[in-house]
Amino acid sequence: MTTPTAPSSEFPDPGPDFGSHEMSALSPTALALVADFFKVLSEPSRLQILCVLKEESRNVSEIVEASGLGQTNVSKHLKILAQAGIISRQS
C-alpha cells in the first residue's frame, strides 16, 4: 500500500511584486498550466484530503477515517492530486 504525502505545509511568500508583471509575461501555455493547477485545487474534497495530509503522511484508510469521505472517492482524488504533482506516493 502506498502512503500519499503533501509536498510542504507552507506556501512560499510571493513577494511584494506578485501579480504585477510576472503573470502578464507568461505564455498562453504557461497560463493554461496554472489554470489547470487551480482547477485541481478547486474541488473541496481534494482540499479536505490535503488538509488531512498537512500534518503527516497517511495511508488511504487513515485519510478515509480522518476526512469522512468514501474510500473510492479518496482514491480517485488522490490519483488526480498525484497526477498534478501536488502529492507523491510512498511505497
N, C-alpha and C. Protein backbone atom coordinates (compact mmCIF):
# COMPACT_ATOMS: atom_id res chain seq x y z
N MET A 1 0.84 -1.17 0.00
CA MET A 1 0.00 0.00 0.00
C MET A 1 0.89 1.24 0.00
N THR A 2 0.47 2.25 -0.72
CA THR A 2 1.26 3.47 -0.79
C THR A 2 0.67 4.52 0.15
N THR A 3 1.50 5.41 0.60
CA THR A 3 1.09 6.47 1.51
C THR A 3 1.30 7.81 0.82
N PRO A 4 0.22 8.57 0.56
CA PRO A 4 0.36 9.88 -0.06
C PRO A 4 0.96 10.88 0.91
N THR A 5 1.73 11.80 0.37
CA THR A 5 2.31 12.85 1.19
C THR A 5 2.13 14.20 0.52
N ALA A 6 1.92 15.21 1.30
CA ALA A 6 1.85 16.57 0.78
C ALA A 6 3.26 17.11 0.65
N PRO A 7 3.53 17.95 -0.35
CA PRO A 7 4.89 18.43 -0.57
C PRO A 7 5.42 19.32 0.55
N SER A 8 4.63 20.24 1.04
CA SER A 8 5.06 21.08 2.15
C SER A 8 3.83 21.68 2.79
N SER A 9 3.99 22.11 4.02
CA SER A 9 2.84 22.65 4.73
C SER A 9 2.72 24.16 4.57
N GLU A 10 3.68 24.80 3.95
CA GLU A 10 3.64 26.25 3.80
C GLU A 10 3.89 26.63 2.35
N PHE A 11 3.16 27.63 1.88
CA PHE A 11 3.40 28.17 0.55
C PHE A 11 4.44 29.27 0.66
N PRO A 12 5.33 29.38 -0.31
CA PRO A 12 6.33 30.45 -0.24
C PRO A 12 5.68 31.82 -0.38
N ASP A 13 6.30 32.80 0.22
CA ASP A 13 5.82 34.18 0.11
C ASP A 13 6.06 34.64 -1.32
N PRO A 14 5.00 35.08 -2.01
CA PRO A 14 5.18 35.50 -3.40
C PRO A 14 5.94 36.81 -3.56
N GLY A 15 6.10 37.56 -2.48
CA GLY A 15 6.85 38.81 -2.54
C GLY A 15 5.97 40.00 -2.89
N PRO A 16 6.52 41.19 -2.75
CA PRO A 16 5.73 42.41 -2.94
C PRO A 16 5.32 42.67 -4.38
N ASP A 17 6.06 42.10 -5.34
CA ASP A 17 5.75 42.35 -6.75
C ASP A 17 4.82 41.30 -7.35
N PHE A 18 4.30 40.38 -6.53
CA PHE A 18 3.45 39.32 -7.05
C PHE A 18 2.24 39.93 -7.75
N GLY A 19 1.98 39.44 -8.95
CA GLY A 19 0.81 39.88 -9.69
C GLY A 19 1.03 41.11 -10.53
N SER A 20 2.21 41.72 -10.44
CA SER A 20 2.42 42.93 -11.21
C SER A 20 2.69 42.59 -12.67
N HIS A 21 3.89 42.16 -12.98
CA HIS A 21 4.23 41.88 -14.37
C HIS A 21 4.50 40.41 -14.63
N GLU A 22 4.66 39.60 -13.58
CA GLU A 22 5.03 38.19 -13.79
C GLU A 22 3.96 37.44 -14.57
N MET A 23 2.69 37.60 -14.21
CA MET A 23 1.63 36.86 -14.87
C MET A 23 1.45 37.32 -16.32
N SER A 24 1.60 38.60 -16.57
CA SER A 24 1.43 39.10 -17.93
C SER A 24 2.58 38.63 -18.83
N ALA A 25 3.71 38.27 -18.24
CA ALA A 25 4.85 37.82 -19.03
C ALA A 25 4.78 36.33 -19.36
N LEU A 26 3.82 35.62 -18.76
CA LEU A 26 3.70 34.19 -19.02
C LEU A 26 3.06 33.94 -20.37
N SER A 27 3.50 32.88 -21.00
CA SER A 27 2.94 32.49 -22.30
C SER A 27 1.55 31.91 -22.10
N PRO A 28 0.75 31.86 -23.14
CA PRO A 28 -0.57 31.22 -23.04
C PRO A 28 -0.48 29.77 -22.55
N THR A 29 0.56 29.06 -22.94
CA THR A 29 0.74 27.68 -22.49
C THR A 29 0.98 27.63 -20.99
N ALA A 30 1.85 28.51 -20.50
CA ALA A 30 2.12 28.56 -19.06
C ALA A 30 0.88 28.96 -18.28
N LEU A 31 0.12 29.90 -18.79
CA LEU A 31 -1.11 30.31 -18.12
C LEU A 31 -2.11 29.17 -18.07
N ALA A 32 -2.17 28.36 -19.12
CA ALA A 32 -3.06 27.20 -19.14
C ALA A 32 -2.65 26.19 -18.08
N LEU A 33 -1.35 26.01 -17.89
CA LEU A 33 -0.87 25.10 -16.85
C LEU A 33 -1.24 25.61 -15.45
N VAL A 34 -1.12 26.90 -15.23
CA VAL A 34 -1.50 27.49 -13.95
C VAL A 34 -3.01 27.30 -13.72
N ALA A 35 -3.79 27.53 -14.76
CA ALA A 35 -5.25 27.35 -14.65
C ALA A 35 -5.59 25.91 -14.32
N ASP A 36 -4.92 24.96 -14.97
CA ASP A 36 -5.16 23.54 -14.69
C ASP A 36 -4.82 23.19 -13.25
N PHE A 37 -3.74 23.76 -12.73
CA PHE A 37 -3.35 23.52 -11.35
C PHE A 37 -4.46 23.99 -10.40
N PHE A 38 -4.98 25.18 -10.65
CA PHE A 38 -6.04 25.69 -9.78
C PHE A 38 -7.34 24.92 -9.95
N LYS A 39 -7.59 24.37 -11.13
CA LYS A 39 -8.77 23.51 -11.32
C LYS A 39 -8.68 22.28 -10.42
N VAL A 40 -7.49 21.71 -10.33
CA VAL A 40 -7.31 20.55 -9.46
C VAL A 40 -7.62 20.93 -8.01
N LEU A 41 -7.18 22.10 -7.60
CA LEU A 41 -7.39 22.54 -6.22
C LEU A 41 -8.79 23.09 -5.96
N SER A 42 -9.60 23.24 -7.00
CA SER A 42 -10.94 23.82 -6.82
C SER A 42 -11.96 22.83 -6.28
N GLU A 43 -11.62 21.57 -6.19
CA GLU A 43 -12.54 20.55 -5.68
C GLU A 43 -12.43 20.49 -4.16
N PRO A 44 -13.52 20.75 -3.42
CA PRO A 44 -13.48 20.75 -1.95
C PRO A 44 -12.97 19.44 -1.34
N SER A 45 -13.30 18.31 -1.93
CA SER A 45 -12.82 17.03 -1.38
C SER A 45 -11.31 16.93 -1.47
N ARG A 46 -10.72 17.45 -2.54
CA ARG A 46 -9.26 17.42 -2.66
C ARG A 46 -8.61 18.32 -1.63
N LEU A 47 -9.21 19.48 -1.39
CA LEU A 47 -8.68 20.37 -0.35
C LEU A 47 -8.80 19.72 1.03
N GLN A 48 -9.89 19.01 1.25
CA GLN A 48 -10.06 18.31 2.52
C GLN A 48 -8.98 17.25 2.70
N ILE A 49 -8.68 16.51 1.65
CA ILE A 49 -7.62 15.50 1.70
C ILE A 49 -6.27 16.16 1.97
N LEU A 50 -5.99 17.27 1.32
CA LEU A 50 -4.72 17.97 1.55
C LEU A 50 -4.62 18.46 2.99
N CYS A 51 -5.73 18.89 3.56
CA CYS A 51 -5.71 19.31 4.97
C CYS A 51 -5.38 18.13 5.88
N VAL A 52 -5.90 16.95 5.55
CA VAL A 52 -5.60 15.75 6.33
C VAL A 52 -4.12 15.41 6.22
N LEU A 53 -3.56 15.60 5.03
CA LEU A 53 -2.16 15.25 4.79
C LEU A 53 -1.18 16.32 5.27
N LYS A 54 -1.68 17.48 5.64
CA LYS A 54 -0.80 18.58 6.02
C LYS A 54 0.09 18.23 7.21
N GLU A 55 -0.45 17.53 8.17
CA GLU A 55 0.29 17.22 9.39
C GLU A 55 1.29 16.08 9.20
N GLU A 56 0.89 15.04 8.45
CA GLU A 56 1.77 13.87 8.30
C GLU A 56 1.29 13.00 7.15
N SER A 57 2.16 12.10 6.71
CA SER A 57 1.79 11.13 5.69
C SER A 57 0.78 10.16 6.29
N ARG A 58 -0.17 9.75 5.49
CA ARG A 58 -1.19 8.80 5.94
C ARG A 58 -1.51 7.85 4.81
N ASN A 59 -1.97 6.64 5.18
CA ASN A 59 -2.42 5.71 4.16
C ASN A 59 -3.88 6.02 3.82
N VAL A 60 -4.39 5.36 2.80
CA VAL A 60 -5.74 5.65 2.32
C VAL A 60 -6.77 5.44 3.42
N SER A 61 -6.66 4.36 4.18
CA SER A 61 -7.62 4.09 5.25
C SER A 61 -7.64 5.21 6.29
N GLU A 62 -6.48 5.73 6.62
CA GLU A 62 -6.39 6.83 7.59
C GLU A 62 -7.01 8.11 7.03
N ILE A 63 -6.81 8.35 5.73
CA ILE A 63 -7.41 9.53 5.09
C ILE A 63 -8.93 9.40 5.09
N VAL A 64 -9.42 8.21 4.77
CA VAL A 64 -10.87 7.96 4.77
C VAL A 64 -11.44 8.24 6.16
N GLU A 65 -10.79 7.72 7.18
CA GLU A 65 -11.26 7.90 8.56
C GLU A 65 -11.22 9.36 8.98
N ALA A 66 -10.14 10.05 8.67
CA ALA A 66 -9.97 11.45 9.10
C ALA A 66 -10.87 12.41 8.33
N SER A 67 -11.15 12.09 7.08
CA SER A 67 -11.93 13.01 6.23
C SER A 67 -13.42 12.71 6.22
N GLY A 68 -13.77 11.46 6.47
CA GLY A 68 -15.18 11.07 6.37
C GLY A 68 -15.63 10.81 4.94
N LEU A 69 -14.70 10.89 4.00
CA LEU A 69 -15.01 10.60 2.60
C LEU A 69 -14.95 9.10 2.36
N GLY A 70 -15.61 8.63 1.33
CA GLY A 70 -15.57 7.22 0.99
C GLY A 70 -14.23 6.81 0.39
N GLN A 71 -13.90 5.54 0.51
CA GLN A 71 -12.61 5.03 0.03
C GLN A 71 -12.46 5.22 -1.47
N THR A 72 -13.50 4.94 -2.24
CA THR A 72 -13.42 5.12 -3.69
C THR A 72 -13.19 6.58 -4.05
N ASN A 73 -13.89 7.46 -3.37
CA ASN A 73 -13.76 8.90 -3.60
C ASN A 73 -12.35 9.37 -3.26
N VAL A 74 -11.83 8.94 -2.12
CA VAL A 74 -10.48 9.32 -1.70
C VAL A 74 -9.45 8.83 -2.72
N SER A 75 -9.58 7.59 -3.13
CA SER A 75 -8.63 7.03 -4.11
C SER A 75 -8.65 7.81 -5.41
N LYS A 76 -9.85 8.16 -5.87
CA LYS A 76 -9.98 8.93 -7.12
C LYS A 76 -9.28 10.29 -6.99
N HIS A 77 -9.52 10.98 -5.88
CA HIS A 77 -8.93 12.30 -5.70
C HIS A 77 -7.42 12.23 -5.47
N LEU A 78 -6.95 11.19 -4.78
CA LEU A 78 -5.50 11.02 -4.61
C LEU A 78 -4.81 10.83 -5.95
N LYS A 79 -5.44 10.08 -6.83
CA LYS A 79 -4.87 9.86 -8.17
C LYS A 79 -4.74 11.19 -8.92
N ILE A 80 -5.78 12.01 -8.84
CA ILE A 80 -5.77 13.32 -9.53
C ILE A 80 -4.71 14.23 -8.92
N LEU A 81 -4.62 14.25 -7.60
CA LEU A 81 -3.61 15.08 -6.93
C LEU A 81 -2.19 14.62 -7.27
N ALA A 82 -2.00 13.30 -7.35
CA ALA A 82 -0.67 12.76 -7.71
C ALA A 82 -0.33 13.08 -9.16
N GLN A 83 -1.30 12.94 -10.07
CA GLN A 83 -1.06 13.25 -11.48
C GLN A 83 -0.69 14.71 -11.68
N ALA A 84 -1.25 15.58 -10.84
CA ALA A 84 -0.96 17.00 -10.93
C ALA A 84 0.36 17.36 -10.25
N GLY A 85 0.98 16.40 -9.56
CA GLY A 85 2.25 16.64 -8.89
C GLY A 85 2.10 17.35 -7.56
N ILE A 86 0.89 17.38 -7.02
CA ILE A 86 0.64 18.08 -5.76
C ILE A 86 1.01 17.20 -4.58
N ILE A 87 0.82 15.90 -4.71
CA ILE A 87 1.25 14.95 -3.70
C ILE A 87 2.09 13.88 -4.37
N SER A 88 2.80 13.12 -3.57
CA SER A 88 3.54 11.97 -4.09
C SER A 88 3.14 10.76 -3.26
N ARG A 89 3.36 9.59 -3.82
CA ARG A 89 3.02 8.36 -3.13
C ARG A 89 4.30 7.69 -2.67
N GLN A 90 4.27 7.21 -1.44
CA GLN A 90 5.40 6.47 -0.89
C GLN A 90 5.05 4.99 -0.87
N SER A 91 6.04 4.16 -1.13
CA SER A 91 5.81 2.70 -1.10
C SER A 91 6.02 2.16 0.28
